Amino acid sequence: LLGRGKSYQAHPGNVALLDIVDQSLAQYAEGDKQTRKVLKEQIMEMVLNQGGRFLRLSDDGLDWELLTEAEACRKIRNAFR
């Protein structure tokens, strides 16, 4: 889930994403731009293959919307920070 605060941080999907990112942290830190891009794509593929989705709350706050591929990659990139 895309968002700020403890409720988002503690969400099982976000916790699982951070676990995957933690396992890849050294490889990401040592990699060049192309390596990092491939790594982000692999992580996105892992999440999607496990039935995960990248979501954000709609503007009206009533529904969840799928992130675009670029937005999901940005979320993964930010998780490496």
PDB file of N, CA and C in Angstrom:
ATOM      1  N   LEU A   1       0.840  -1.181   0.000  1.00  0.00           N
ATOM      2  CA  LEU A   1       0.000   0.000   0.000  1.00  0.00           C
ATOM      3  C   LEU A   1       0.879   1.236   0.000  1.00  0.00           C
ATOM      4  N   LEU A   2       0.517   2.158  -0.817  1.00  0.00           N
ATOM      5  CA  LEU A   2       1.254   3.411  -0.888  1.00  0.00           C
ATOM      6  C   LEU A   2       0.636   4.377   0.103  1.00  0.00           C
ATOM      7  N   GLY A   3       1.435   4.885   1.003  1.00  0.00           N
ATOM      8  CA  GLY A   3       0.935   5.826   1.988  1.00  0.00           C
ATOM      9  C   GLY A   3       1.946   6.011   3.104  1.00  0.00           C
ATOM     10  N   ARG A   4       1.607   6.881   4.033  1.00  0.00           N
ATOM     11  CA  ARG A   4       2.488   7.182   5.158  1.00  0.00           C
ATOM     12  C   ARG A   4       1.813   6.782   6.456  1.00  0.00           C
ATOM     13  N   GLY A   5       2.637   6.492   7.431  1.00  0.00           N
ATOM     14  CA  GLY A   5       2.111   6.200   8.750  1.00  0.00           C
ATOM     15  C   GLY A   5       2.259   4.740   9.129  1.00  0.00           C
ATOM     16  N   LYS A   6       2.041   4.483  10.411  1.00  0.00           N
ATOM     17  CA  LYS A   6       2.252   3.140  10.942  1.00  0.00           C
ATOM     18  C   LYS A   6       1.302   2.119  10.337  1.00  0.00           C
ATOM     19  N   SER A   7       0.073   2.514  10.053  1.00  0.00           N
ATOM     20  CA  SER A   7      -0.870   1.543   9.503  1.00  0.00           C
ATOM     21  C   SER A   7      -0.402   1.031   8.140  1.00  0.00           C
ATOM     22  N   TYR A   8       0.228   1.893   7.359  1.00  0.00           N
ATOM     23  CA  TYR A   8       0.762   1.472   6.069  1.00  0.00           C
ATOM     24  C   TYR A   8       2.049   0.669   6.257  1.00  0.00           C
ATOM     25  N   GLN A   9       2.912   1.128   7.148  1.00  0.00           N
ATOM     26  CA  GLN A   9       4.184   0.447   7.383  1.00  0.00           C
ATOM     27  C   GLN A   9       3.976  -0.954   7.918  1.00  0.00           C
ATOM     28  N   ALA A  10       2.945  -1.147   8.733  1.00  0.00           N
ATOM     29  CA  ALA A  10       2.706  -2.438   9.364  1.00  0.00           C
ATOM     30  C   ALA A  10       1.879  -3.377   8.492  1.00  0.00           C
ATOM     31  N   HIS A  11       1.395  -2.902   7.343  1.00  0.00           N
ATOM     32  CA  HIS A  11       0.585  -3.750   6.470  1.00  0.00           C
ATOM     33  C   HIS A  11       1.418  -4.953   6.022  1.00  0.00           C
ATOM     34  N   PRO A  12       0.846  -6.164   6.077  1.00  0.00           N
ATOM     35  CA  PRO A  12       1.616  -7.378   5.727  1.00  0.00           C
ATOM     36  C   PRO A  12       2.285  -7.316   4.352  1.00  0.00           C
ATOM     37  N   GLY A  13       1.630  -6.706   3.377  1.00  0.00           N
ATOM     38  CA  GLY A  13       2.230  -6.598   2.050  1.00  0.00           C
ATOM     39  C   GLY A  13       3.459  -5.712   2.040  1.00  0.00           C
ATOM     40  N   ASN A  14       3.401  -4.608   2.773  1.00  0.00           N
ATOM     41  CA  ASN A  14       4.557  -3.709   2.855  1.00  0.00           C
ATOM     42  C   ASN A  14       5.685  -4.349   3.655  1.00  0.00           C
ATOM     43  N   VAL A  15       5.337  -5.091   4.694  1.00  0.00           N
ATOM     44  CA  VAL A  15       6.359  -5.796   5.482  1.00  0.00           C
ATOM     45  C   VAL A  15       7.059  -6.831   4.599  1.00  0.00           C
ATOM     46  N   ALA A  16       6.288  -7.561   3.790  1.00  0.00           N
ATOM     47  CA  ALA A  16       6.865  -8.558   2.891  1.00  0.00           C
ATOM     48  C   ALA A  16       7.775  -7.899   1.854  1.00  0.00           C
ATOM     49  N   LEU A  17       7.344  -6.763   1.305  1.00  0.00           N
ATOM     50  CA  LEU A  17       8.170  -6.032   0.341  1.00  0.00           C
ATOM     51  C   LEU A  17       9.485  -5.612   0.983  1.00  0.00           C
ATOM     52  N   LEU A  18       9.426  -5.088   2.186  1.00  0.00           N
ATOM     53  CA  LEU A  18      10.648  -4.645   2.867  1.00  0.00           C
ATOM     54  C   LEU A  18      11.575  -5.824   3.175  1.00  0.00           C
ATOM     55  N   ASP A  19      11.015  -6.998   3.450  1.00  0.00           N
ATOM     56  CA  ASP A  19      11.845  -8.192   3.657  1.00  0.00           C
ATOM     57  C   ASP A  19      12.604  -8.541   2.375  1.00  0.00           C
ATOM     58  N   ILE A  20      11.917  -8.478   1.239  1.00  0.00           N
ATOM     59  CA  ILE A  20      12.563  -8.757  -0.047  1.00  0.00           C
ATOM     60  C   ILE A  20      13.647  -7.719  -0.318  1.00  0.00           C
ATOM     61  N   VAL A  21      13.334  -6.471  -0.065  1.00  0.00           N
ATOM     62  CA  VAL A  21      14.299  -5.385  -0.288  1.00  0.00           C
ATOM     63  C   VAL A  21      15.521  -5.573   0.608  1.00  0.00           C
ATOM     64  N   ASP A  22      15.302  -5.916   1.884  1.00  0.00           N
ATOM     65  CA  ASP A  22      16.424  -6.135   2.808  1.00  0.00           C
ATOM     66  C   ASP A  22      17.361  -7.224   2.304  1.00  0.00           C
ATOM     67  N   GLN A  23      16.809  -8.271   1.708  1.00  0.00           N
ATOM     68  CA  GLN A  23      17.623  -9.369   1.185  1.00  0.00           C
ATOM     69  C   GLN A  23      18.439  -8.940  -0.033  1.00  0.00           C
ATOM     70  N   SER A  24      17.995  -7.904  -0.706  1.00  0.00           N
ATOM     71  CA  SER A  24      18.654  -7.448  -1.940  1.00  0.00           C
ATOM     72  C   SER A  24      19.457  -6.173  -1.747  1.00  0.00           C
ATOM     73  N   LEU A  25      19.541  -5.687  -0.528  1.00  0.00           N
ATOM     74  CA  LEU A  25      20.142  -4.381  -0.264  1.00  0.00           C
ATOM     75  C   LEU A  25      21.601  -4.283  -0.711  1.00  0.00           C
ATOM     76  N   ALA A  26      22.405  -5.271  -0.393  1.00  0.00           N
ATOM     77  CA  ALA A  26      23.823  -5.227  -0.761  1.00  0.00           C
ATOM     78  C   ALA A  26      23.998  -5.223  -2.281  1.00  0.00           C
ATOM     79  N   GLN A  27      23.244  -6.079  -2.949  1.00  0.00           N
ATOM     80  CA  GLN A  27      23.326  -6.151  -4.410  1.00  0.00           C
ATOM     81  C   GLN A  27      22.903  -4.825  -5.035  1.00  0.00           C
ATOM     82  N   TYR A  28      21.871  -4.185  -4.493  1.00  0.00           N
ATOM     83  CA  TYR A  28      21.399  -2.902  -5.003  1.00  0.00           C
ATOM     84  C   TYR A  28      22.445  -1.812  -4.777  1.00  0.00           C
ATOM     85  N   ALA A  29      23.026  -1.793  -3.587  1.00  0.00           N
ATOM     86  CA  ALA A  29      24.005  -0.752  -3.238  1.00  0.00           C
ATOM     87  C   ALA A  29      25.258  -0.841  -4.109  1.00  0.00           C
ATOM     88  N   GLU A  30      25.643  -2.057  -4.466  1.00  0.00           N
ATOM     89  CA  GLU A  30      26.863  -2.259  -5.263  1.00  0.00           C
ATOM     90  C   GLU A  30      26.614  -2.174  -6.766  1.00  0.00           C
ATOM     91  N   GLY A  31      25.354  -2.224  -7.161  1.00  0.00           N
ATOM     92  CA  GLY A  31      25.027  -2.297  -8.582  1.00  0.00           C
ATOM     93  C   GLY A  31      25.069  -0.966  -9.283  1.00  0.00           C
ATOM     94  N   ASP A  32      25.244  -1.046 -10.604  1.00  0.00           N
ATOM     95  CA  ASP A  32      25.169   0.148 -11.428  1.00  0.00           C
ATOM     96  C   ASP A  32      23.696   0.406 -11.775  1.00  0.00           C
ATOM     97  N   LYS A  33      23.447   1.423 -12.559  1.00  0.00           N
ATOM     98  CA  LYS A  33      22.080   1.829 -12.870  1.00  0.00           C
ATOM     99  C   LYS A  33      21.276   0.689 -13.516  1.00  0.00           C
ATOM    100  N   GLN A  34      21.879  -0.012 -14.449  1.00  0.00           N
ATOM    101  CA  GLN A  34      21.191  -1.110 -15.144  1.00  0.00           C
ATOM    102  C   GLN A  34      20.898  -2.255 -14.181  1.00  0.00           C
ATOM    103  N   THR A  35      21.853  -2.576 -13.322  1.00  0.00           N
ATOM    104  CA  THR A  35      21.667  -3.653 -12.344  1.00  0.00           C
ATOM    105  C   THR A  35      20.521  -3.308 -11.402  1.00  0.00           C
ATOM    106  N   ARG A  36      20.465  -2.063 -10.968  1.00  0.00           N
ATOM    107  CA  ARG A  36      19.393  -1.630 -10.064  1.00  0.00           C
ATOM    108  C   ARG A  36      18.038  -1.710 -10.745  1.00  0.00           C
ATOM    109  N   LYS A  37      17.978  -1.333 -12.004  1.00  0.00           N
ATOM    110  CA  LYS A  37      16.722  -1.394 -12.750  1.00  0.00           C
ATOM    111  C   LYS A  37      16.229  -2.835 -12.842  1.00  0.00           C
ATOM    112  N   VAL A  38      17.133  -3.742 -13.183  1.00  0.00           N
ATOM    113  CA  VAL A  38      16.770  -5.157 -13.293  1.00  0.00           C
ATOM    114  C   VAL A  38      16.314  -5.692 -11.942  1.00  0.00           C
ATOM    115  N   LEU A  39      17.005  -5.312 -10.888  1.00  0.00           N
ATOM    116  CA  LEU A  39      16.658  -5.764  -9.546  1.00  0.00           C
ATOM    117  C   LEU A  39      15.259  -5.274  -9.151  1.00  0.00           C
ATOM    118  N   LYS A  40      14.942  -4.025  -9.434  1.00  0.00           N
ATOM    119  CA  LYS A  40      13.606  -3.491  -9.136  1.00  0.00           C
ATOM    120  C   LYS A  40      12.538  -4.256  -9.908  1.00  0.00           C
ATOM    121  N   GLU A  41      12.817  -4.563 -11.178  1.00  0.00           N
ATOM    122  CA  GLU A  41      11.865  -5.314 -11.989  1.00  0.00           C
ATOM    123  C   GLU A  41      11.670  -6.731 -11.442  1.00  0.00           C
ATOM    124  N   GLN A  42      12.757  -7.354 -10.989  1.00  0.00           N
ATOM    125  CA  GLN A  42      12.663  -8.698 -10.418  1.00  0.00           C
ATOM    126  C   GLN A  42      11.835  -8.698  -9.137  1.00  0.00           C
ATOM    127  N   ILE A  43      12.022  -7.685  -8.315  1.00  0.00           N
ATOM    128  CA  ILE A  43      11.260  -7.587  -7.070  1.00  0.00           C
ATOM    129  C   ILE A  43       9.784  -7.382  -7.387  1.00  0.00           C
ATOM    130  N   MET A  44       9.488  -6.519  -8.357  1.00  0.00           N
ATOM    131  CA  MET A  44       8.093  -6.308  -8.738  1.00  0.00           C
ATOM    132  C   MET A  44       7.481  -7.625  -9.222  1.00  0.00           C
ATOM    133  N   GLU A  45       8.222  -8.362 -10.015  1.00  0.00           N
ATOM    134  CA  GLU A  45       7.751  -9.654 -10.531  1.00  0.00           C
ATOM    135  C   GLU A  45       7.493 -10.634  -9.389  1.00  0.00           C
ATOM    136  N   MET A  46       8.390 -10.671  -8.397  1.00  0.00           N
ATOM    137  CA  MET A  46       8.205 -11.559  -7.244  1.00  0.00           C
ATOM    138  C   MET A  46       6.924 -11.220  -6.499  1.00  0.00           C
ATOM    139  N   VAL A  47       6.702  -9.943  -6.257  1.00  0.00           N
ATOM    140  CA  VAL A  47       5.504  -9.513  -5.529  1.00  0.00           C
ATOM    141  C   VAL A  47       4.254  -9.908  -6.306  1.00  0.00           C
ATOM    142  N   LEU A  48       4.239  -9.612  -7.591  1.00  0.00           N
ATOM    143  CA  LEU A  48       3.066  -9.917  -8.406  1.00  0.00           C
ATOM    144  C   LEU A  48       2.837 -11.418  -8.522  1.00  0.00           C
ATOM    145  N   ASN A  49       3.903 -12.203  -8.642  1.00  0.00           N
ATOM    146  CA  ASN A  49       3.767 -13.657  -8.744  1.00  0.00           C
ATOM    147  C   ASN A  49       3.257 -14.290  -7.449  1.00  0.00           C
ATOM    148  N   GLN A  50       3.474 -13.610  -6.337  1.00  0.00           N
ATOM    149  CA  GLN A  50       2.982 -14.107  -5.045  1.00  0.00           C
ATOM    150  C   GLN A  50       1.562 -13.619  -4.770  1.00  0.00           C
ATOM    151  N   GLY A  51       0.950 -12.971  -5.749  1.00  0.00           N
ATOM    152  CA  GLY A  51      -0.421 -12.491  -5.597  1.00  0.00           C
ATOM    153  C   GLY A  51      -0.515 -11.093  -5.012  1.00  0.00           C
ATOM    154  N   GLY A  52       0.621 -10.439  -4.847  1.00  0.00           N
ATOM    155  CA  GLY A  52       0.629  -9.088  -4.301  1.00  0.00           C
ATOM    156  C   GLY A  52       0.248  -8.058  -5.346  1.00  0.00           C
ATOM    157  N   ARG A  53      -0.123  -6.910  -4.871  1.00  0.00           N
ATOM    158  CA  ARG A  53      -0.463  -5.788  -5.746  1.00  0.00           C
ATOM    159  C   ARG A  53       0.135  -4.524  -5.159  1.00  0.00           C
ATOM    160  N   PHE A  54       0.288  -3.518  -5.984  1.00  0.00           N
ATOM    161  CA  PHE A  54       0.757  -2.211  -5.544  1.00  0.00           C
ATOM    162  C   PHE A  54      -0.445  -1.276  -5.629  1.00  0.00           C
ATOM    163  N   LEU A  55      -0.918  -0.817  -4.473  1.00  0.00           N
ATOM    164  CA  LEU A  55      -2.166  -0.055  -4.404  1.00  0.00           C
ATOM    165  C   LEU A  55      -1.980   1.284  -3.703  1.00  0.00           C
ATOM    166  N   ARG A  56      -2.888   2.210  -4.005  1.00  0.00           N
ATOM    167  CA  ARG A  56      -2.976   3.469  -3.271  1.00  0.00           C
ATOM    168  C   ARG A  56      -4.459   3.783  -3.091  1.00  0.00           C
ATOM    169  N   LEU A  57      -4.752   4.558  -2.074  1.00  0.00           N
ATOM    170  CA  LEU A  57      -6.119   4.989  -1.811  1.00  0.00           C
ATOM    171  C   LEU A  57      -6.527   6.015  -2.860  1.00  0.00           C
ATOM    172  N   SER A  58      -7.730   5.878  -3.381  1.00  0.00           N
ATOM    173  CA  SER A  58      -8.211   6.813  -4.402  1.00  0.00           C
ATOM    174  C   SER A  58      -8.346   8.216  -3.818  1.00  0.00           C
ATOM    175  N   ASP A  59      -8.472   9.182  -4.685  1.00  0.00           N
ATOM    176  CA  ASP A  59      -8.578  10.581  -4.250  1.00  0.00           C
ATOM    177  C   ASP A  59      -9.772  10.806  -3.324  1.00  0.00           C
ATOM    178  N   ASP A  60     -10.871  10.087  -3.561  1.00  0.00           N
ATOM    179  CA  ASP A  60     -12.045  10.255  -2.702  1.00  0.00           C
ATOM    180  C   ASP A  60     -11.943   9.449  -1.405  1.00  0.00           C
ATOM    181  N   GLY A  61     -10.886   8.607  -1.303  1.00  0.00           N
ATOM    182  CA  GLY A  61     -10.645   7.851  -0.088  1.00  0.00           C
ATOM    183  C   GLY A  61     -11.557   6.655   0.109  1.00  0.00           C
ATOM    184  N   LEU A  62     -12.282   6.277  -0.931  1.00  0.00           N
ATOM    185  CA  LEU A  62     -13.245   5.181  -0.795  1.00  0.00           C
ATOM    186  C   LEU A  62     -12.782   3.867  -1.403  1.00  0.00           C
ATOM    187  N   ASP A  63     -11.873   3.930  -2.358  1.00  0.00           N
ATOM    188  CA  ASP A  63     -11.449   2.731  -3.080  1.00  0.00           C
ATOM    189  C   ASP A  63      -9.930   2.663  -3.166  1.00  0.00           C
ATOM    190  N   TRP A  64      -9.452   1.494  -3.521  1.00  0.00           N
ATOM    191  CA  TRP A  64      -8.026   1.296  -3.767  1.00  0.00           C
ATOM    192  C   TRP A  64      -7.806   1.211  -5.259  1.00  0.00           C
ATOM    193  N   GLU A  65      -6.713   1.839  -5.727  1.00  0.00           N
ATOM    194  CA  GLU A  65      -6.359   1.853  -7.144  1.00  0.00           C
ATOM    195  C   GLU A  65      -5.000   1.191  -7.332  1.00  0.00           C
ATOM    196  N   LEU A  66      -4.858   0.482  -8.445  1.00  0.00           N
ATOM    197  CA  LEU A  66      -3.562  -0.100  -8.789  1.00  0.00           C
ATOM    198  C   LEU A  66      -2.597   0.996  -9.207  1.00  0.00           C
ATOM    199  N   LEU A  67      -1.364   0.884  -8.768  1.00  0.00           N
ATOM    200  CA  LEU A  67      -0.323   1.802  -9.222  1.00  0.00           C
ATOM    201  C   LEU A  67       0.100   1.418 -10.626  1.00  0.00           C
ATOM    202  N   THR A  68       0.590   2.389 -11.378  1.00  0.00           N
ATOM    203  CA  THR A  68       1.181   2.075 -12.668  1.00  0.00           C
ATOM    204  C   THR A  68       2.517   1.360 -12.416  1.00  0.00           C
ATOM    205  N   GLU A  69       3.069   0.777 -13.437  1.00  0.00           N
ATOM    206  CA  GLU A  69       4.359   0.095 -13.301  1.00  0.00           C
ATOM    207  C   GLU A  69       5.442   1.069 -12.852  1.00  0.00           C
ATOM    208  N   ALA A  70       5.430   2.283 -13.402  1.00  0.00           N
ATOM    209  CA  ALA A  70       6.426   3.293 -13.018  1.00  0.00           C
ATOM    210  C   ALA A  70       6.273   3.686 -11.555  1.00  0.00           C
ATOM    211  N   GLU A  71       5.027   3.825 -11.080  1.00  0.00           N
ATOM    212  CA  GLU A  71       4.798   4.174  -9.679  1.00  0.00           C
ATOM    213  C   GLU A  71       5.231   3.048  -8.748  1.00  0.00           C
ATOM    214  N   ALA A  72       4.976   1.810  -9.164  1.00  0.00           N
ATOM    215  CA  ALA A  72       5.398   0.654  -8.357  1.00  0.00           C
ATOM    216  C   ALA A  72       6.925   0.591  -8.285  1.00  0.00           C
ATOM    217  N   CYS A  73       7.599   0.850  -9.395  1.00  0.00           N
ATOM    218  CA  CYS A  73       9.067   0.867  -9.400  1.00  0.00           C
ATOM    219  C   CYS A  73       9.591   1.959  -8.474  1.00  0.00           C
ATOM    220  N   ARG A  74       8.921   3.098  -8.454  1.00  0.00           N
ATOM    221  CA  ARG A  74       9.314   4.195  -7.570  1.00  0.00           C
ATOM    222  C   ARG A  74       9.156   3.782  -6.104  1.00  0.00           C
ATOM    223  N   LYS A  75       8.096   3.054  -5.792  1.00  0.00           N
ATOM    224  CA  LYS A  75       7.883   2.576  -4.430  1.00  0.00           C
ATOM    225  C   LYS A  75       9.002   1.613  -4.025  1.00  0.00           C
ATOM    226  N   ILE A  76       9.372   0.729  -4.932  1.00  0.00           N
ATOM    227  CA  ILE A  76      10.450  -0.218  -4.656  1.00  0.00           C
ATOM    228  C   ILE A  76      11.768   0.546  -4.478  1.00  0.00           C
ATOM    229  N   ARG A  77      12.021   1.488  -5.363  1.00  0.00           N
ATOM    230  CA  ARG A  77      13.247   2.292  -5.248  1.00  0.00           C
ATOM    231  C   ARG A  77      13.307   3.011  -3.910  1.00  0.00           C
ATOM    232  N   ASN A  78      12.202   3.590  -3.494  1.00  0.00           N
ATOM    233  CA  ASN A  78      12.176   4.294  -2.208  1.00  0.00           C
ATOM    234  C   ASN A  78      12.365   3.347  -1.036  1.00  0.00           C
ATOM    235  N   ALA A  79      11.965   2.104  -1.186  1.00  0.00           N
ATOM    236  CA  ALA A  79      12.143   1.119  -0.111  1.00  0.00           C
ATOM    237  C   ALA A  79      13.622   0.812   0.110  1.00  0.00           C
ATOM    238  N   PHE A  80      14.460   1.046  -0.884  1.00  0.00           N
ATOM    239  CA  PHE A  80      15.896   0.820  -0.744  1.00  0.00           C
ATOM    240  C   PHE A  80      16.584   1.942   0.027  1.00  0.00           C
ATOM    241  N   ARG A  81      15.900   3.041   0.287  1.00  0.00           N
ATOM    242  CA  ARG A  81      16.501   4.176   1.001  1.00  0.00           C
ATOM    243  C   ARG A  81      16.633   3.890   2.472  1.00  0.00           C
TER     244      ARG A  81
END
